[in-house]
Amino acid sequence: MLTSTFVHLKGIGPSTERRLWESGIADWATFLREPNLPGISPSRKVLYDVDLAAAQEQLDRRNARYFADCLHTRDHWRLFPTFGPRALYLDIETTGLSARDGQVTLVGLYRQGRMRTLINGDDLSRDVIQEELDQADLLITFFGSVFDIPYLQACFKGLRVSIPHFDLCFAARRVGLQGGLKHIERELDIARDSDLLTLDGMEAVRLWHQYHAGDEAALDQLVRYNAADTRNLEPLADWLYDRLSLRYGPPSLTPAG
């Protein structure tokens, strides 16, 4: 999908991009081979050729951060097949208050089949979160662009997020799915352990307070709840990428799953 993308070129929006696809310009290589394109002046074509050659060079270098800057955030889903193997799935729990008055209690991090949970008072720190982000090519969250990342950056001053961000909440809205993560999981038959089905964000706050009152079992359940939230982003990202590709990608594109 990435090499079929033209909306990062100045002056090309979704409608022009689709017209290019429908006229047989399915990818960057085809665009660069054609000396003339309908609706694009020769001088503009030269500028676009330079931009596409630069994008191809950055892709060859596997530089995901380049595309974080040149693509609108709503189009970061297009990066999923290319950079998904080095994606970091992230979900946080908090004390239930605003970032100014509250705290992050847990940060769930999932990548390449490995789950890691950072716990306040144990191993949760800005440096550890930063290290995890710096090792990733793509960040994947649910509503994280509005909640998780701003909250983390408010609590951990100087935390940098320079990689592309595929926010599944807004991707879901674009394909007609409404509601929160658990509601969407039920619609798509994405499973979690039965004892976690009734838990939500407020229950997570309660479990944290129970743990601080001496209930170690509460922490265990909270960690499992957060891990389910975090791991389940992976199958949801697969499903959403396929639906977004069908709706917004070129006609020739075959879905990933």
C-alpha atoms as a PDB file:
ATOM      1  CA  MET A   1       0.000   0.000   0.000  1.00  0.00           C
ATOM      2  CA  LEU A   2       2.783   2.439   0.797  1.00  0.00           C
ATOM      3  CA  THR A   3       4.253   2.414  -2.722  1.00  0.00           C
ATOM      4  CA  SER A   4       0.750   2.998  -4.109  1.00  0.00           C
ATOM      5  CA  THR A   5       0.417   6.138  -1.989  1.00  0.00           C
ATOM      6  CA  PHE A   6       0.449   9.574  -3.628  1.00  0.00           C
ATOM      7  CA  VAL A   7      -1.385  11.734  -1.077  1.00  0.00           C
ATOM      8  CA  HIS A   8       1.927  12.766   0.494  1.00  0.00           C
ATOM      9  CA  LEU A   9       2.695  14.739  -2.668  1.00  0.00           C
ATOM     10  CA  LYS A  10       1.787  18.423  -2.406  1.00  0.00           C
ATOM     11  CA  GLY A  11      -1.452  19.117  -4.241  1.00  0.00           C
ATOM     12  CA  ILE A  12      -2.571  15.485  -4.500  1.00  0.00           C
ATOM     13  CA  GLY A  13      -5.549  14.484  -2.391  1.00  0.00           C
ATOM     14  CA  PRO A  14      -7.612  11.289  -2.238  1.00  0.00           C
ATOM     15  CA  SER A  15      -9.623  12.084  -5.385  1.00  0.00           C
ATOM     16  CA  THR A  16      -6.550  12.756  -7.541  1.00  0.00           C
ATOM     17  CA  GLU A  17      -4.836   9.705  -6.086  1.00  0.00           C
ATOM     18  CA  ARG A  18      -7.792   7.534  -7.049  1.00  0.00           C
ATOM     19  CA  ARG A  19      -7.824   8.982 -10.581  1.00  0.00           C
ATOM     20  CA  LEU A  20      -4.159   8.020 -10.891  1.00  0.00           C
ATOM     21  CA  TRP A  21      -4.940   4.470  -9.798  1.00  0.00           C
ATOM     22  CA  GLU A  22      -7.861   4.203 -12.189  1.00  0.00           C
ATOM     23  CA  SER A  23      -5.679   5.410 -15.086  1.00  0.00           C
ATOM     24  CA  GLY A  24      -3.199   2.603 -14.426  1.00  0.00           C
ATOM     25  CA  ILE A  25      -0.703   4.486 -12.227  1.00  0.00           C
ATOM     26  CA  ALA A  26      -0.793   1.938  -9.416  1.00  0.00           C
ATOM     27  CA  ASP A  27       2.535   2.646  -7.760  1.00  0.00           C
ATOM     28  CA  TRP A  28       5.590   4.892  -7.591  1.00  0.00           C
ATOM     29  CA  ALA A  29       7.551   2.904 -10.190  1.00  0.00           C
ATOM     30  CA  THR A  30       4.797   3.296 -12.780  1.00  0.00           C
ATOM     31  CA  PHE A  31       4.468   7.009 -12.000  1.00  0.00           C
ATOM     32  CA  LEU A  32       8.213   7.528 -12.476  1.00  0.00           C
ATOM     33  CA  ARG A  33       8.288   5.585 -15.773  1.00  0.00           C
ATOM     34  CA  GLU A  34       5.570   7.672 -17.402  1.00  0.00           C
ATOM     35  CA  PRO A  35       6.925  10.848 -19.044  1.00  0.00           C
ATOM     36  CA  ASN A  36       3.526  12.535 -19.092  1.00  0.00           C
ATOM     37  CA  LEU A  37       0.461  12.158 -16.912  1.00  0.00           C
ATOM     38  CA  PRO A  38      -2.990  13.633 -17.600  1.00  0.00           C
ATOM     39  CA  GLY A  39      -3.823  16.527 -15.285  1.00  0.00           C
ATOM     40  CA  ILE A  40      -0.216  16.965 -14.100  1.00  0.00           C
ATOM     41  CA  SER A  41       1.947  19.613 -15.754  1.00  0.00           C
ATOM     42  CA  PRO A  42       5.481  18.669 -16.891  1.00  0.00           C
ATOM     43  CA  SER A  43       7.039  21.008 -14.309  1.00  0.00           C
ATOM     44  CA  ARG A  44       4.896  19.532 -11.517  1.00  0.00           C
ATOM     45  CA  LYS A  45       5.735  16.007 -12.714  1.00  0.00           C
ATOM     46  CA  VAL A  46       9.457  16.759 -12.306  1.00  0.00           C
ATOM     47  CA  LEU A  47       8.893  17.869  -8.703  1.00  0.00           C
ATOM     48  CA  TYR A  48       6.785  14.807  -7.936  1.00  0.00           C
ATOM     49  CA  ASP A  49       9.447  12.536  -9.446  1.00  0.00           C
ATOM     50  CA  VAL A  50      12.007  14.014  -7.059  1.00  0.00           C
ATOM     51  CA  ASP A  51       9.687  13.529  -4.087  1.00  0.00           C
ATOM     52  CA  LEU A  52       8.897   9.935  -5.029  1.00  0.00           C
ATOM     53  CA  ALA A  53      12.559   9.087  -5.558  1.00  0.00           C
ATOM     54  CA  ALA A  54      13.279  10.497  -2.086  1.00  0.00           C
ATOM     55  CA  ALA A  55      10.421   8.468  -0.590  1.00  0.00           C
ATOM     56  CA  GLN A  56      11.716   5.293  -2.253  1.00  0.00           C
ATOM     57  CA  GLU A  57      15.191   5.958  -0.875  1.00  0.00           C
ATOM     58  CA  GLN A  58      13.790   6.345   2.650  1.00  0.00           C
ATOM     59  CA  LEU A  59      11.718   3.198   2.222  1.00  0.00           C
ATOM     60  CA  ASP A  60      14.821   1.284   1.126  1.00  0.00           C
ATOM     61  CA  ARG A  61      16.463   2.519   4.328  1.00  0.00           C
ATOM     62  CA  ARG A  62      13.415   1.357   6.334  1.00  0.00           C
ATOM     63  CA  ASN A  63      13.086   4.874   7.721  1.00  0.00           C
ATOM     64  CA  ALA A  64       9.572   4.843   9.166  1.00  0.00           C
ATOM     65  CA  ARG A  65      10.044   8.244  10.796  1.00  0.00           C
ATOM     66  CA  TYR A  66      10.293   9.899   7.376  1.00  0.00           C
ATOM     67  CA  PHE A  67       6.754   8.768   6.581  1.00  0.00           C
ATOM     68  CA  ALA A  68       5.478   9.889   9.976  1.00  0.00           C
ATOM     69  CA  ASP A  69       6.325  13.418   8.878  1.00  0.00           C
ATOM     70  CA  CYS A  70       5.166  13.392   5.263  1.00  0.00           C
ATOM     71  CA  LEU A  71       1.897  11.457   5.675  1.00  0.00           C
ATOM     72  CA  HIS A  72      -1.166  12.808   7.468  1.00  0.00           C
ATOM     73  CA  THR A  73      -1.892  10.774  10.600  1.00  0.00           C
ATOM     74  CA  ARG A  74      -5.151   9.496   9.102  1.00  0.00           C
ATOM     75  CA  ASP A  75      -3.024   7.745   6.460  1.00  0.00           C
ATOM     76  CA  HIS A  76      -0.548   6.061   8.797  1.00  0.00           C
ATOM     77  CA  TRP A  77      -2.565   2.833   8.403  1.00  0.00           C
ATOM     78  CA  ARG A  78      -0.974   2.564   4.951  1.00  0.00           C
ATOM     79  CA  LEU A  79       2.362   1.821   6.654  1.00  0.00           C
ATOM     80  CA  PHE A  80       1.080  -1.289   8.430  1.00  0.00           C
ATOM     81  CA  PRO A  81       2.219  -4.002   5.951  1.00  0.00           C
ATOM     82  CA  THR A  82       5.660  -2.423   5.571  1.00  0.00           C
ATOM     83  CA  PHE A  83       6.433  -1.527   9.176  1.00  0.00           C
ATOM     84  CA  GLY A  84       3.952  -3.731  11.057  1.00  0.00           C
ATOM     85  CA  PRO A  85       6.517  -6.473  11.794  1.00  0.00           C
ATOM     86  CA  ARG A  86       8.320  -3.931  14.016  1.00  0.00           C
ATOM     87  CA  ALA A  87       5.153  -2.413  15.469  1.00  0.00           C
ATOM     88  CA  LEU A  88       4.753  -1.608  19.150  1.00  0.00           C
ATOM     89  CA  TYR A  89       1.239  -2.094  20.536  1.00  0.00           C
ATOM     90  CA  LEU A  90       0.690   0.107  23.576  1.00  0.00           C
ATOM     91  CA  ASP A  91      -2.028   0.583  26.189  1.00  0.00           C
ATOM     92  CA  ILE A  92      -1.917   2.349  29.552  1.00  0.00           C
ATOM     93  CA  GLU A  93      -3.836   2.288  32.821  1.00  0.00           C
ATOM     94  CA  THR A  94      -4.077   5.292  35.143  1.00  0.00           C
ATOM     95  CA  THR A  95      -5.396   6.325  38.550  1.00  0.00           C
ATOM     96  CA  GLY A  96      -8.493   7.676  36.809  1.00  0.00           C
ATOM     97  CA  LEU A  97      -7.671  11.355  37.206  1.00  0.00           C
ATOM     98  CA  SER A  98      -6.442  13.886  34.662  1.00  0.00           C
ATOM     99  CA  ALA A  99      -2.795  13.765  33.657  1.00  0.00           C
ATOM    100  CA  ARG A 100      -2.188  16.845  35.810  1.00  0.00           C
ATOM    101  CA  ASP A 101      -3.553  15.203  38.975  1.00  0.00           C
ATOM    102  CA  GLY A 102      -3.217  11.498  38.251  1.00  0.00           C
ATOM    103  CA  GLN A 103      -0.550   8.893  37.531  1.00  0.00           C
ATOM    104  CA  VAL A 104       0.134   6.166  35.032  1.00  0.00           C
ATOM    105  CA  THR A 105      -0.160   2.858  36.866  1.00  0.00           C
ATOM    106  CA  LEU A 106       0.668   0.361  34.113  1.00  0.00           C
ATOM    107  CA  VAL A 107       1.979   0.507  30.563  1.00  0.00           C
ATOM    108  CA  GLY A 108       1.371  -2.525  28.402  1.00  0.00           C
ATOM    109  CA  LEU A 109       3.822  -3.051  25.520  1.00  0.00           C
ATOM    110  CA  TYR A 110       3.452  -5.842  22.976  1.00  0.00           C
ATOM    111  CA  ARG A 111       5.725  -6.547  20.035  1.00  0.00           C
ATOM    112  CA  GLN A 112       6.631  -9.600  17.973  1.00  0.00           C
ATOM    113  CA  GLY A 113       4.703 -11.923  20.269  1.00  0.00           C
ATOM    114  CA  ARG A 114       6.298 -10.614  23.472  1.00  0.00           C
ATOM    115  CA  MET A 115       4.271  -8.882  26.192  1.00  0.00           C
ATOM    116  CA  ARG A 116       5.932  -6.498  28.645  1.00  0.00           C
ATOM    117  CA  THR A 117       4.141  -4.713  31.497  1.00  0.00           C
ATOM    118  CA  LEU A 118       5.708  -1.701  33.188  1.00  0.00           C
ATOM    119  CA  ILE A 119       4.377  -1.099  36.700  1.00  0.00           C
ATOM    120  CA  ASN A 120       4.409   2.151  38.654  1.00  0.00           C
ATOM    121  CA  GLY A 121       6.801   1.805  41.580  1.00  0.00           C
ATOM    122  CA  ASP A 122       8.711  -1.007  39.903  1.00  0.00           C
ATOM    123  CA  ASP A 123      10.107  -0.626  36.369  1.00  0.00           C
ATOM    124  CA  LEU A 124       7.929   2.145  34.904  1.00  0.00           C
ATOM    125  CA  SER A 125      10.071   5.104  33.825  1.00  0.00           C
ATOM    126  CA  ARG A 126      10.441   7.536  30.958  1.00  0.00           C
ATOM    127  CA  ASP A 127      13.717   5.971  29.862  1.00  0.00           C
ATOM    128  CA  VAL A 128      12.235   2.484  29.597  1.00  0.00           C
ATOM    129  CA  ILE A 129       9.222   3.706  27.600  1.00  0.00           C
ATOM    130  CA  GLN A 130      11.516   5.752  25.352  1.00  0.00           C
ATOM    131  CA  GLU A 131      13.731   2.747  24.706  1.00  0.00           C
ATOM    132  CA  GLU A 132      10.719   0.676  23.656  1.00  0.00           C
ATOM    133  CA  LEU A 133       9.456   3.418  21.334  1.00  0.00           C
ATOM    134  CA  ASP A 134      12.888   3.933  19.796  1.00  0.00           C
ATOM    135  CA  GLN A 135      13.125   0.238  18.910  1.00  0.00           C
ATOM    136  CA  ALA A 136       9.811   0.318  17.003  1.00  0.00           C
ATOM    137  CA  ASP A 137       8.894   1.457  13.499  1.00  0.00           C
ATOM    138  CA  LEU A 138       5.156   1.886  14.069  1.00  0.00           C
ATOM    139  CA  LEU A 139       3.053   2.649  17.144  1.00  0.00           C
ATOM    140  CA  ILE A 140      -0.399   1.055  17.378  1.00  0.00           C
ATOM    141  CA  THR A 141      -2.978   2.073  19.999  1.00  0.00           C
ATOM    142  CA  PHE A 142      -6.709   2.430  20.495  1.00  0.00           C
ATOM    143  CA  PHE A 143      -7.523   6.121  21.095  1.00  0.00           C
ATOM    144  CA  GLY A 144      -3.885   6.583  22.005  1.00  0.00           C
ATOM    145  CA  SER A 145      -3.401   9.751  19.969  1.00  0.00           C
ATOM    146  CA  VAL A 146      -5.963  11.448  22.225  1.00  0.00           C
ATOM    147  CA  PHE A 147      -5.447   9.683  25.560  1.00  0.00           C
ATOM    148  CA  ASP A 148      -2.471   7.343  26.055  1.00  0.00           C
ATOM    149  CA  ILE A 149       0.296   9.339  24.387  1.00  0.00           C
ATOM    150  CA  PRO A 150      -0.685  12.811  25.691  1.00  0.00           C
ATOM    151  CA  TYR A 151      -1.100  11.313  29.182  1.00  0.00           C
ATOM    152  CA  LEU A 152       2.321   9.666  29.028  1.00  0.00           C
ATOM    153  CA  GLN A 153       3.955  12.835  27.758  1.00  0.00           C
ATOM    154  CA  ALA A 154       2.336  14.872  30.527  1.00  0.00           C
ATOM    155  CA  CYS A 155       3.537  12.443  33.201  1.00  0.00           C
ATOM    156  CA  PHE A 156       6.962  11.753  31.678  1.00  0.00           C
ATOM    157  CA  LYS A 157       8.340  15.085  30.506  1.00  0.00           C
ATOM    158  CA  GLY A 158      10.497  14.861  27.404  1.00  0.00           C
ATOM    159  CA  LEU A 159       9.050  11.572  26.132  1.00  0.00           C
ATOM    160  CA  ARG A 160       9.375  11.609  22.331  1.00  0.00           C
ATOM    161  CA  VAL A 161       7.105   9.831  19.877  1.00  0.00           C
ATOM    162  CA  SER A 162       8.608  10.235  16.422  1.00  0.00           C
ATOM    163  CA  ILE A 163       7.367   7.046  14.756  1.00  0.00           C
ATOM    164  CA  PRO A 164       4.126   6.776  12.753  1.00  0.00           C
ATOM    165  CA  HIS A 165       1.003   6.134  14.839  1.00  0.00           C
ATOM    166  CA  PHE A 166      -1.837   3.882  13.660  1.00  0.00           C
ATOM    167  CA  ASP A 167      -4.708   4.773  16.007  1.00  0.00           C
ATOM    168  CA  LEU A 168      -7.246   1.958  15.659  1.00  0.00           C
ATOM    169  CA  CYS A 169     -10.080   3.931  17.251  1.00  0.00           C
ATOM    170  CA  PHE A 170     -10.295   6.408  14.392  1.00  0.00           C
ATOM    171  CA  ALA A 171      -9.560   3.730  11.805  1.00  0.00           C
ATOM    172  CA  ALA A 172     -12.539   1.778  13.142  1.00  0.00           C
ATOM    173  CA  ARG A 173     -14.810   4.810  12.763  1.00  0.00           C
ATOM    174  CA  ARG A 174     -13.769   5.132   9.121  1.00  0.00           C
ATOM    175  CA  VAL A 175     -15.064   1.644   8.350  1.00  0.00           C
ATOM    176  CA  GLY A 176     -18.280   2.020  10.340  1.00  0.00           C
ATOM    177  CA  LEU A 177     -17.374   0.477  13.699  1.00  0.00           C
ATOM    178  CA  GLN A 178     -18.539   2.384  16.765  1.00  0.00           C
ATOM    179  CA  GLY A 179     -17.944   1.984  20.499  1.00  0.00           C
ATOM    180  CA  GLY A 180     -14.910   1.192  22.587  1.00  0.00           C
ATOM    181  CA  LEU A 181     -12.338  -1.553  22.256  1.00  0.00           C
ATOM    182  CA  LYS A 182     -14.301  -4.202  24.152  1.00  0.00           C
ATOM    183  CA  HIS A 183     -17.459  -3.547  22.139  1.00  0.00           C
ATOM    184  CA  ILE A 184     -15.543  -3.871  18.879  1.00  0.00           C
ATOM    185  CA  GLU A 185     -13.828  -7.039  20.107  1.00  0.00           C
ATOM    186  CA  ARG A 186     -17.246  -8.606  20.679  1.00  0.00           C
ATOM    187  CA  GLU A 187     -18.424  -7.588  17.206  1.00  0.00           C
ATOM    188  CA  LEU A 188     -15.354  -9.153  15.588  1.00  0.00           C
ATOM    189  CA  ASP A 189     -15.130 -12.215  17.882  1.00  0.00           C
ATOM    190  CA  ILE A 190     -11.728 -11.232  19.246  1.00  0.00           C
ATOM    191  CA  ALA A 191     -11.428 -13.273  22.434  1.00  0.00           C
ATOM    192  CA  ARG A 192     -10.206 -12.522  25.952  1.00  0.00           C
ATOM    193  CA  ASP A 193     -10.392 -14.579  29.165  1.00  0.00           C
ATOM    194  CA  SER A 194     -13.913 -14.810  30.554  1.00  0.00           C
ATOM    195  CA  ASP A 195     -13.010 -13.273  33.925  1.00  0.00           C
ATOM    196  CA  LEU A 196     -11.807 -10.136  32.111  1.00  0.00           C
ATOM    197  CA  LEU A 197     -14.918  -9.582  30.012  1.00  0.00           C
ATOM    198  CA  THR A 198     -16.712  -7.365  32.525  1.00  0.00           C
ATOM    199  CA  LEU A 199     -13.693  -5.254  33.456  1.00  0.00           C
ATOM    200  CA  ASP A 200     -13.332  -1.709  32.159  1.00  0.00           C
ATOM    201  CA  GLY A 201     -11.213   1.375  32.845  1.00  0.00           C
ATOM    202  CA  MET A 202     -12.929   2.180  36.131  1.00  0.00           C
ATOM    203  CA  GLU A 203     -12.486  -1.377  37.336  1.00  0.00           C
ATOM    204  CA  ALA A 204      -8.810  -1.033  36.447  1.00  0.00           C
ATOM    205  CA  VAL A 205      -8.608   1.992  38.754  1.00  0.00           C
ATOM    206  CA  ARG A 206     -10.320   0.029  41.534  1.00  0.00           C
ATOM    207  CA  LEU A 207      -7.915  -2.899  41.097  1.00  0.00           C
ATOM    208  CA  TRP A 208      -4.944  -0.561  41.405  1.00  0.00           C
ATOM    209  CA  HIS A 209      -6.260   0.846  44.679  1.00  0.00           C
ATOM    210  CA  GLN A 210      -6.926  -2.680  45.953  1.00  0.00           C
ATOM    211  CA  TYR A 211      -3.345  -3.601  45.140  1.00  0.00           C
ATOM    212  CA  HIS A 212      -2.071  -0.583  47.065  1.00  0.00           C
ATOM    213  CA  ALA A 213      -4.189  -1.741  50.002  1.00  0.00           C
ATOM    214  CA  GLY A 214      -2.237  -5.010  49.999  1.00  0.00           C
ATOM    215  CA  ASP A 215      -4.188  -7.218  47.556  1.00  0.00           C
ATOM    216  CA  GLU A 216      -1.539  -8.808  45.308  1.00  0.00           C
ATOM    217  CA  ALA A 217      -4.211 -10.740  43.403  1.00  0.00           C
ATOM    218  CA  ALA A 218      -5.705  -7.433  42.283  1.00  0.00           C
ATOM    219  CA  LEU A 219      -2.427  -6.492  40.605  1.00  0.00           C
ATOM    220  CA  ASP A 220      -2.312  -9.849  38.852  1.00  0.00           C
ATOM    221  CA  GLN A 221      -5.812  -9.320  37.461  1.00  0.00           C
ATOM    222  CA  LEU A 222      -4.981  -5.743  36.439  1.00  0.00           C
ATOM    223  CA  VAL A 223      -1.868  -6.883  34.588  1.00  0.00           C
ATOM    224  CA  ARG A 224      -3.881  -9.575  32.766  1.00  0.00           C
ATOM    225  CA  TYR A 225      -6.590  -7.052  31.883  1.00  0.00           C
ATOM    226  CA  ASN A 226      -4.052  -4.609  30.473  1.00  0.00           C
ATOM    227  CA  ALA A 227      -2.267  -7.393  28.577  1.00  0.00           C
ATOM    228  CA  ALA A 228      -5.556  -8.424  26.937  1.00  0.00           C
ATOM    229  CA  ASP A 229      -6.201  -4.825  25.893  1.00  0.00           C
ATOM    230  CA  THR A 230      -2.711  -4.570  24.447  1.00  0.00           C
ATOM    231  CA  ARG A 231      -2.446  -7.943  22.700  1.00  0.00           C
ATOM    232  CA  ASN A 232      -5.891  -7.659  21.155  1.00  0.00           C
ATOM    233  CA  LEU A 233      -4.799  -4.585  19.237  1.00  0.00           C
ATOM    234  CA  GLU A 234      -2.843  -6.875  16.897  1.00  0.00           C
ATOM    235  CA  PRO A 235      -5.765  -8.848  15.401  1.00  0.00           C
ATOM    236  CA  LEU A 236      -7.825  -5.660  15.320  1.00  0.00           C
ATOM    237  CA  ALA A 237      -5.071  -3.868  13.361  1.00  0.00           C
ATOM    238  CA  ASP A 238      -4.983  -6.758  10.850  1.00  0.00           C
ATOM    239  CA  TRP A 239      -8.759  -6.610  10.391  1.00  0.00           C
ATOM    240  CA  LEU A 240      -8.883  -2.834  10.075  1.00  0.00           C
ATOM    241  CA  TYR A 241      -6.000  -2.678   7.604  1.00  0.00           C
ATOM    242  CA  ASP A 242      -7.834  -5.085   5.297  1.00  0.00           C
ATOM    243  CA  ARG A 243     -11.067  -3.071   5.460  1.00  0.00           C
ATOM    244  CA  LEU A 244      -9.294   0.255   4.971  1.00  0.00           C
ATOM    245  CA  SER A 245      -7.439  -1.180   1.975  1.00  0.00           C
ATOM    246  CA  LEU A 246     -10.679  -2.299   0.366  1.00  0.00           C
ATOM    247  CA  ARG A 247     -12.349   1.062   0.951  1.00  0.00           C
ATOM    248  CA  TYR A 248      -9.492   3.514   0.421  1.00  0.00           C
ATOM    249  CA  GLY A 249      -6.775   1.589  -1.430  1.00  0.00           C
ATOM    250  CA  PRO A 250      -6.206   1.011  -5.144  1.00  0.00           C
ATOM    251  CA  PRO A 251      -8.554  -1.461  -6.856  1.00  0.00           C
ATOM    252  CA  SER A 252      -5.693  -3.902  -7.494  1.00  0.00           C
ATOM    253  CA  LEU A 253      -4.620  -4.086  -3.845  1.00  0.00           C
ATOM    254  CA  THR A 254      -5.064  -7.465  -2.154  1.00  0.00           C
ATOM    255  CA  PRO A 255      -5.814  -7.304   1.596  1.00  0.00           C
ATOM    256  CA  ALA A 256      -3.168  -8.584   4.000  1.00  0.00           C
ATOM    257  CA  GLY A 257      -5.364 -11.126   5.793  1.00  0.00           C
END
